[in-house]
Amino acid sequence: MTDLLTHLFPLIYGGFFLLLLWQAFRVMARGFSAVPRPNNPLPSNGTDRTGRLTIHPELLDSEGQLTRDDLLTVRFSADQDPPLSPSDAQP
């Protein structure tokens, strides 16, 4: 009995390995197909890759309309740029 398991275990292990490898390639293939290619760019009409306009919920007010409040924006610059104080910021 143990002799049978000794010979059978590597086959079962190899089978599961191949199954998981095949599943990994399937998942990666779906990820690669989601990335736009240079010959297939995203539409430039303000929509995302799903074809729908995406609005982040943070930009909506309590009635579900786009907020008219001034928004804080953050710019990530290179490390050699000196930090700006609020008085240095342009209006």
Protein backbone atom coordinates (compact mmCIF):
# COMPACT_ATOMS: atom_id res chain seq x y z
CA MET A 1 0.00 0.00 0.00
CA THR A 2 2.73 2.49 0.92
CA ASP A 3 4.64 1.48 -2.23
CA LEU A 4 1.58 2.44 -4.31
CA LEU A 5 1.28 5.82 -2.55
CA THR A 6 4.99 6.44 -3.02
CA HIS A 7 4.60 6.09 -6.79
CA LEU A 8 1.23 7.81 -6.97
CA PHE A 9 2.09 10.92 -4.94
CA PRO A 10 4.47 12.49 -7.53
CA LEU A 11 1.84 11.99 -10.25
CA ILE A 12 -0.89 13.65 -8.16
CA TYR A 13 1.47 16.46 -7.19
CA GLY A 14 2.50 17.00 -10.83
CA GLY A 15 -1.14 17.00 -11.94
CA PHE A 16 -2.10 19.65 -9.42
CA PHE A 17 0.95 21.70 -10.36
CA LEU A 18 -0.01 21.65 -14.04
CA LEU A 19 -3.62 22.53 -13.18
CA LEU A 20 -2.54 25.52 -11.08
CA LEU A 21 -0.08 26.63 -13.75
CA TRP A 22 -2.83 26.50 -16.39
CA GLN A 23 -5.14 28.53 -14.12
CA ALA A 24 -2.40 31.13 -13.55
CA PHE A 25 -1.91 31.59 -17.30
CA ARG A 26 -5.66 31.97 -17.80
CA VAL A 27 -5.84 34.69 -15.14
CA MET A 28 -2.80 36.49 -16.57
CA ALA A 29 -4.27 36.34 -20.08
CA ARG A 30 -7.40 38.10 -18.84
CA GLY A 31 -5.23 40.77 -17.25
CA PHE A 32 -3.21 41.29 -20.41
CA SER A 33 -6.37 41.67 -22.48
CA ALA A 34 -7.58 44.45 -20.14
CA VAL A 35 -4.56 46.64 -20.92
CA PRO A 36 -5.05 48.91 -23.97
CA ARG A 37 -2.63 48.33 -26.82
CA PRO A 38 -1.01 51.15 -28.85
CA ASN A 39 -3.11 50.24 -31.89
CA ASN A 40 -6.28 50.13 -29.76
CA PRO A 41 -6.27 53.32 -27.65
CA LEU A 42 -8.90 54.32 -25.13
CA PRO A 43 -11.65 56.59 -26.42
CA SER A 44 -10.86 60.26 -25.90
CA ASN A 45 -14.46 61.36 -25.35
CA GLY A 46 -14.16 61.47 -21.55
CA THR A 47 -15.08 57.86 -20.95
CA ASP A 48 -13.01 55.08 -19.42
CA ARG A 49 -12.31 51.63 -20.83
CA THR A 50 -15.84 50.48 -20.00
CA GLY A 51 -17.26 53.20 -22.24
CA ARG A 52 -18.94 54.96 -19.32
CA LEU A 53 -18.13 58.28 -17.72
CA THR A 54 -16.57 57.64 -14.30
CA ILE A 55 -17.24 60.10 -11.48
CA HIS A 56 -15.68 59.47 -8.10
CA PRO A 57 -18.19 59.57 -5.23
CA GLU A 58 -16.05 62.12 -3.39
CA LEU A 59 -16.95 64.68 -6.06
CA LEU A 60 -20.70 64.43 -5.41
CA ASP A 61 -22.69 66.45 -2.89
CA SER A 62 -25.56 65.18 -0.74
CA GLU A 63 -28.01 65.47 -3.68
CA GLY A 64 -25.76 63.45 -5.99
CA GLN A 65 -24.68 66.44 -8.08
CA LEU A 66 -21.10 67.47 -8.81
CA THR A 67 -19.86 69.67 -5.99
CA ARG A 68 -19.07 73.31 -6.66
CA ASP A 69 -16.72 73.58 -3.67
CA ASP A 70 -13.05 74.38 -4.12
CA LEU A 71 -11.11 71.13 -4.08
CA LEU A 72 -7.67 70.51 -2.67
CA THR A 73 -5.34 69.20 -5.33
CA VAL A 74 -2.01 67.51 -4.80
CA ARG A 75 0.88 67.60 -7.24
CA PHE A 76 3.68 65.09 -6.83
CA SER A 77 6.86 66.67 -8.10
CA ALA A 78 10.43 65.57 -8.41
CA ASP A 79 12.49 65.38 -5.25
CA GLN A 80 14.70 68.30 -6.26
CA ASP A 81 11.79 70.78 -6.35
CA PRO A 82 11.69 72.95 -3.22
CA PRO A 83 8.47 72.78 -1.19
CA LEU A 84 6.04 75.65 -1.73
CA SER A 85 4.31 77.51 1.04
CA PRO A 86 0.63 78.47 0.67
CA SER A 87 1.64 82.10 0.04
CA ASP A 88 3.81 80.96 -2.91
CA ALA A 89 0.91 79.18 -4.60
CA GLN A 90 -0.61 80.87 -7.57
CA PRO A 91 -4.34 81.72 -7.39
